[in-house]
PDB file of N, CA and C in Angstrom:
ATOM      1  N   UNK A   1       0.952  -1.328   0.052  1.00  0.00           N
ATOM      2  CA  UNK A   1       0.230  -0.194   0.192  1.00  0.00           C
ATOM      3  C   UNK A   1       1.135   1.664  -0.271  1.00  0.00           C
ATOM      4  N   UNK A   2       0.372   1.965  -0.907  1.00  0.00           N
ATOM      5  CA  UNK A   2       1.461   3.744  -0.801  1.00  0.00           C
ATOM      6  C   UNK A   2       1.223   4.170  -0.245  1.00  0.00           C
ATOM      7  N   UNK A   3       1.904   5.459   0.649  1.00  0.00           N
ATOM      8  CA  UNK A   3       1.162   6.096   1.123  1.00  0.00           C
ATOM      9  C   UNK A   3       1.052   7.969   0.230  1.00  0.00           C
ATOM     10  N   UNK A   4       0.840   8.650   0.433  1.00  0.00           N
ATOM     11  CA  UNK A   4       0.371   9.420  -0.870  1.00  0.00           C
ATOM     12  C   UNK A   4       1.415  10.385  -0.125  1.00  0.00           C
ATOM     13  N   UNK A   5       2.380  10.988  -1.248  1.00  0.00           N
ATOM     14  CA  UNK A   5       2.854  12.027  -1.315  1.00  0.00           C
ATOM     15  C   UNK A   5       2.685  12.786  -0.508  1.00  0.00           C
ATOM     16  N   UNK A   6       3.482  13.716  -0.283  1.00  0.00           N
ATOM     17  CA  UNK A   6       2.848  15.110   0.754  1.00  0.00           C
ATOM     18  C   UNK A   6       2.834  16.501  -0.028  1.00  0.00           C
ATOM     19  N   UNK A   7       3.390  16.074  -0.769  1.00  0.00           N
ATOM     20  CA  UNK A   7       3.450  17.315  -2.266  1.00  0.00           C
ATOM     21  C   UNK A   7       1.918  17.577  -2.566  1.00  0.00           C
ATOM     22  N   UNK A   8       1.373  16.070  -2.764  1.00  0.00           N
ATOM     23  CA  UNK A   8      -0.740  16.028  -3.445  1.00  0.00           C
ATOM     24  C   UNK A   8      -1.097  16.232  -2.287  1.00  0.00           C
ATOM     25  N   UNK A   9      -0.716  15.938  -0.881  1.00  0.00           N
ATOM     26  CA  UNK A   9      -1.366  16.777  -0.381  1.00  0.00           C
ATOM     27  C   UNK A   9      -0.741  18.058   0.715  1.00  0.00           C
ATOM     28  N   UNK A  10      -1.262  19.652  -0.038  1.00  0.00           N
ATOM     29  CA  UNK A  10      -0.649  20.728   0.984  1.00  0.00           C
ATOM     30  C   UNK A  10      -0.983  21.008   1.402  1.00  0.00           C
ATOM     31  N   UNK A  11      -0.436  21.435   2.627  1.00  0.00           N
ATOM     32  CA  UNK A  11      -1.305  22.269   3.953  1.00  0.00           C
ATOM     33  C   UNK A  11      -2.006  23.114   3.775  1.00  0.00           C
ATOM     34  N   UNK A  12      -2.548  23.535   4.771  1.00  0.00           N
ATOM     35  CA  UNK A  12      -3.825  24.526   4.420  1.00  0.00           C
ATOM     36  C   UNK A  12      -3.252  25.092   5.276  1.00  0.00           C
ATOM     37  N   UNK A  13      -2.213  26.903   4.462  1.00  0.00           N
ATOM     38  CA  UNK A  13      -0.923  27.849   4.898  1.00  0.00           C
ATOM     39  C   UNK A  13      -2.546  29.093   4.608  1.00  0.00           C
ATOM     40  N   UNK A  14      -2.319  30.007   4.559  1.00  0.00           N
ATOM     41  CA  UNK A  14      -2.410  31.089   4.552  1.00  0.00           C
ATOM     42  C   UNK A  14      -2.909  31.740   2.532  1.00  0.00           C
ATOM     43  N   UNK A  15      -2.498  30.766   1.855  1.00  0.00           N
ATOM     44  CA  UNK A  15      -2.576  30.837   0.927  1.00  0.00           C
ATOM     45  C   UNK A  15      -4.052  29.925   0.313  1.00  0.00           C
ATOM     46  N   UNK A  16      -4.042  29.352   1.102  1.00  0.00           N
ATOM     47  CA  UNK A  16      -4.924  28.513   1.118  1.00  0.00           C
ATOM     48  C   UNK A  16      -6.839  29.027   1.350  1.00  0.00           C
ATOM     49  N   UNK A  17      -6.651  29.522   2.748  1.00  0.00           N
ATOM     50  CA  UNK A  17      -7.612  30.106   3.128  1.00  0.00           C
ATOM     51  C   UNK A  17      -7.717  31.557   2.203  1.00  0.00           C
ATOM     52  N   UNK A  18      -6.732  32.094   1.157  1.00  0.00           N
ATOM     53  CA  UNK A  18      -7.241  33.402   0.700  1.00  0.00           C
ATOM     54  C   UNK A  18      -8.103  33.015  -0.288  1.00  0.00           C
ATOM     55  N   UNK A  19      -8.020  31.849  -0.875  1.00  0.00           N
ATOM     56  CA  UNK A  19      -8.446  30.286  -1.913  1.00  0.00           C
ATOM     57  C   UNK A  19      -9.413  30.424  -1.768  1.00  0.00           C
ATOM     58  N   UNK A  20      -9.988  30.198  -0.227  1.00  0.00           N
ATOM     59  CA  UNK A  20     -11.206  29.452   0.532  1.00  0.00           C
ATOM     60  C   UNK A  20     -12.006  30.947  -0.510  1.00  0.00           C
ATOM     61  N   UNK A  21     -10.964  32.035   0.535  1.00  0.00           N
ATOM     62  CA  UNK A  21     -12.088  33.344   1.012  1.00  0.00           C
ATOM     63  C   UNK A  21     -12.035  33.535  -0.680  1.00  0.00           C
ATOM     64  N   UNK A  22     -11.796  34.022  -1.766  1.00  0.00           N
ATOM     65  CA  UNK A  22     -12.046  34.482  -2.923  1.00  0.00           C
ATOM     66  C   UNK A  22     -12.762  33.574  -2.826  1.00  0.00           C
ATOM     67  N   UNK A  23     -12.979  31.866  -3.162  1.00  0.00           N
ATOM     68  CA  UNK A  23     -14.185  31.403  -3.318  1.00  0.00           C
ATOM     69  C   UNK A  23     -15.492  31.913  -2.836  1.00  0.00           C
ATOM     70  N   UNK A  24     -15.791  31.721  -1.488  1.00  0.00           N
ATOM     71  CA  UNK A  24     -16.691  31.778  -0.652  1.00  0.00           C
ATOM     72  C   UNK A  24     -17.571  33.595  -1.299  1.00  0.00           C
ATOM     73  N   UNK A  25     -16.536  34.507  -1.400  1.00  0.00           N
ATOM     74  CA  UNK A  25     -16.500  35.849  -1.701  1.00  0.00           C
ATOM     75  C   UNK A  25     -17.329  35.267  -3.083  1.00  0.00           C
ATOM     76  N   UNK A  26     -16.142  35.179  -4.167  1.00  0.00           N
ATOM     77  CA  UNK A  26     -17.364  34.995  -4.789  1.00  0.00           C
ATOM     78  C   UNK A  26     -19.030  34.207  -5.319  1.00  0.00           C
ATOM     79  N   UNK A  27     -19.501  33.015  -4.473  1.00  0.00           N
ATOM     80  CA  UNK A  27     -20.284  32.300  -4.298  1.00  0.00           C
ATOM     81  C   UNK A  27     -21.290  33.438  -4.095  1.00  0.00           C
ATOM     82  N   UNK A  28     -20.852  34.415  -2.505  1.00  0.00           N
ATOM     83  CA  UNK A  28     -21.505  35.035  -1.701  1.00  0.00           C
ATOM     84  C   UNK A  28     -22.109  36.685  -2.991  1.00  0.00           C
ATOM     85  N   UNK A  29     -21.272  37.027  -3.953  1.00  0.00           N
ATOM     86  CA  UNK A  29     -21.551  37.999  -5.017  1.00  0.00           C
ATOM     87  C   UNK A  29     -22.578  36.813  -6.335  1.00  0.00           C
ATOM     88  N   UNK A  30     -21.915  36.242  -6.450  1.00  0.00           N
ATOM     89  CA  UNK A  30     -23.007  35.819  -7.831  1.00  0.00           C
ATOM     90  C   UNK A  30     -24.279  35.107  -6.980  1.00  0.00           C
ATOM     91  N   UNK A  31     -24.808  35.054  -5.988  1.00  0.00           N
ATOM     92  CA  UNK A  31     -26.074  34.518  -5.484  1.00  0.00           C
ATOM     93  C   UNK A  31     -26.456  35.968  -5.056  1.00  0.00           C
ATOM     94  N   UNK A  32     -26.012  37.232  -4.326  1.00  0.00           N
ATOM     95  CA  UNK A  32     -26.561  38.407  -4.554  1.00  0.00           C
ATOM     96  C   UNK A  32     -26.879  38.898  -6.009  1.00  0.00           C
ATOM     97  N   UNK A  33     -26.089  38.791  -6.732  1.00  0.00           N
ATOM     98  CA  UNK A  33     -26.579  39.239  -7.664  1.00  0.00           C
ATOM     99  C   UNK A  33     -27.739  38.216  -8.261  1.00  0.00           C
ATOM    100  N   UNK A  34     -27.774  37.392  -8.115  1.00  0.00           N
ATOM    101  CA  UNK A  34     -29.631  36.798  -8.496  1.00  0.00           C
ATOM    102  C   UNK A  34     -29.935  37.244  -7.969  1.00  0.00           C
ATOM    103  N   UNK A  35     -29.522  37.432  -6.611  1.00  0.00           N
ATOM    104  CA  UNK A  35     -31.395  37.594  -5.979  1.00  0.00           C
ATOM    105  C   UNK A  35     -31.617  38.583  -6.148  1.00  0.00           C
ATOM    106  N   UNK A  36     -30.753  39.780  -6.188  1.00  0.00           N
ATOM    107  CA  UNK A  36     -30.333  41.750  -7.114  1.00  0.00           C
ATOM    108  C   UNK A  36     -30.953  41.608  -8.556  1.00  0.00           C
ATOM    109  N   UNK A  37     -31.161  40.389  -9.216  1.00  0.00           N
ATOM    110  CA  UNK A  37     -31.452  40.705 -10.504  1.00  0.00           C
ATOM    111  C   UNK A  37     -33.349  39.164 -10.478  1.00  0.00           C
ATOM    112  N   UNK A  38     -33.889  38.652  -9.515  1.00  0.00           N
ATOM    113  CA  UNK A  38     -35.494  38.648  -9.286  1.00  0.00           C
ATOM    114  C   UNK A  38     -35.940  39.954  -8.655  1.00  0.00           C
ATOM    115  N   UNK A  39     -35.198  41.192  -7.681  1.00  0.00           N
ATOM    116  CA  UNK A  39     -35.893  41.649  -7.139  1.00  0.00           C
ATOM    117  C   UNK A  39     -36.255  42.757  -8.513  1.00  0.00           C
ATOM    118  N   UNK A  40     -34.716  42.898  -9.236  1.00  0.00           N
ATOM    119  CA  UNK A  40     -35.359  43.685 -10.338  1.00  0.00           C
ATOM    120  C   UNK A  40     -36.831  43.359 -10.881  1.00  0.00           C
ATOM    121  N   UNK A  41     -36.198  42.255 -11.481  1.00  0.00           N
ATOM    122  CA  UNK A  41     -37.074  41.808 -12.406  1.00  0.00           C
ATOM    123  C   UNK A  41     -38.683  41.455 -11.886  1.00  0.00           C
ATOM    124  N   UNK A  42     -38.963  41.712 -10.450  1.00  0.00           N
ATOM    125  CA  UNK A  42     -40.018  41.778  -9.418  1.00  0.00           C
ATOM    126  C   UNK A  42     -40.260  42.931 -10.207  1.00  0.00           C
ATOM    127  N   UNK A  43     -39.822  43.917  -9.550  1.00  0.00           N
ATOM    128  CA  UNK A  43     -40.058  45.766  -9.521  1.00  0.00           C
ATOM    129  C   UNK A  43     -40.323  45.685 -10.985  1.00  0.00           C
ATOM    130  N   UNK A  44     -39.656  45.482 -12.126  1.00  0.00           N
ATOM    131  CA  UNK A  44     -40.323  45.401 -13.638  1.00  0.00           C
ATOM    132  C   UNK A  44     -41.262  45.107 -13.815  1.00  0.00           C
ATOM    133  N   UNK A  45     -42.005  44.145 -13.348  1.00  0.00           N
ATOM    134  CA  UNK A  45     -43.210  43.471 -13.236  1.00  0.00           C
ATOM    135  C   UNK A  45     -44.468  43.701 -12.830  1.00  0.00           C
ATOM    136  N   UNK A  46     -44.119  44.212 -11.638  1.00  0.00           N
ATOM    137  CA  UNK A  46     -45.362  45.021 -11.063  1.00  0.00           C
ATOM    138  C   UNK A  46     -45.067  46.161 -11.846  1.00  0.00           C
ATOM    139  N   UNK A  47     -44.237  47.125 -12.455  1.00  0.00           N
ATOM    140  CA  UNK A  47     -43.976  48.565 -12.302  1.00  0.00           C
ATOM    141  C   UNK A  47     -45.408  48.408 -14.185  1.00  0.00           C
ATOM    142  N   UNK A  48     -44.768  47.249 -15.012  1.00  0.00           N
ATOM    143  CA  UNK A  48     -46.331  46.846 -16.153  1.00  0.00           C
ATOM    144  C   UNK A  48     -46.800  46.936 -15.779  1.00  0.00           C
ATOM    145  N   UNK A  49     -47.042  45.688 -15.397  1.00  0.00           N
ATOM    146  CA  UNK A  49     -48.654  45.581 -15.117  1.00  0.00           C
ATOM    147  C   UNK A  49     -49.319  47.069 -14.499  1.00  0.00           C
ATOM    148  N   UNK A  50     -48.620  47.872 -13.269  1.00  0.00           N
ATOM    149  CA  UNK A  50     -49.342  49.081 -13.234  1.00  0.00           C
ATOM    150  C   UNK A  50     -49.621  49.519 -14.217  1.00  0.00           C
ATOM    151  N   UNK A  51     -48.445  49.885 -15.241  1.00  0.00           N
ATOM    152  CA  UNK A  51     -48.329  51.065 -16.262  1.00  0.00           C
ATOM    153  C   UNK A  51     -49.792  50.024 -17.468  1.00  0.00           C
ATOM    154  N   UNK A  52     -49.793  48.785 -17.642  1.00  0.00           N
ATOM    155  CA  UNK A  52     -51.003  48.497 -18.620  1.00  0.00           C
ATOM    156  C   UNK A  52     -52.366  48.797 -18.008  1.00  0.00           C
ATOM    157  N   UNK A  53     -52.247  48.535 -16.871  1.00  0.00           N
ATOM    158  CA  UNK A  53     -53.222  49.660 -15.880  1.00  0.00           C
ATOM    159  C   UNK A  53     -54.138  50.259 -16.152  1.00  0.00           C
ATOM    160  N   UNK A  54     -52.826  50.984 -15.933  1.00  0.00           N
ATOM    161  CA  UNK A  54     -53.104  52.336 -16.748  1.00  0.00           C
ATOM    162  C   UNK A  54     -53.378  53.000 -17.915  1.00  0.00           C
ATOM    163  N   UNK A  55     -52.542  52.263 -18.838  1.00  0.00           N
ATOM    164  CA  UNK A  55     -52.989  52.540 -19.987  1.00  0.00           C
ATOM    165  C   UNK A  55     -54.125  52.249 -20.700  1.00  0.00           C
ATOM    166  N   UNK A  56     -54.784  51.055 -20.129  1.00  0.00           N
ATOM    167  CA  UNK A  56     -56.773  50.378 -20.353  1.00  0.00           C
ATOM    168  C   UNK A  56     -57.714  51.756 -19.803  1.00  0.00           C
ATOM    169  N   UNK A  57     -57.030  51.980 -19.043  1.00  0.00           N
ATOM    170  CA  UNK A  57     -58.637  52.694 -18.238  1.00  0.00           C
ATOM    171  C   UNK A  57     -58.130  54.483 -19.080  1.00  0.00           C
TER     172      UNK A  57
END
């Protein structure tokens, strides 16, 4: 049974923490953008419904 050489398992150093932080930040930003887009879409939808109602009257 061969042991995994230490080079294949990098120690968790500050670089890996930074990488993890960047990944989490990217995930957070993309989720926030999706939520913001959904809210924008809802606002536009409500506004267009409101406008259509006014145009009909």
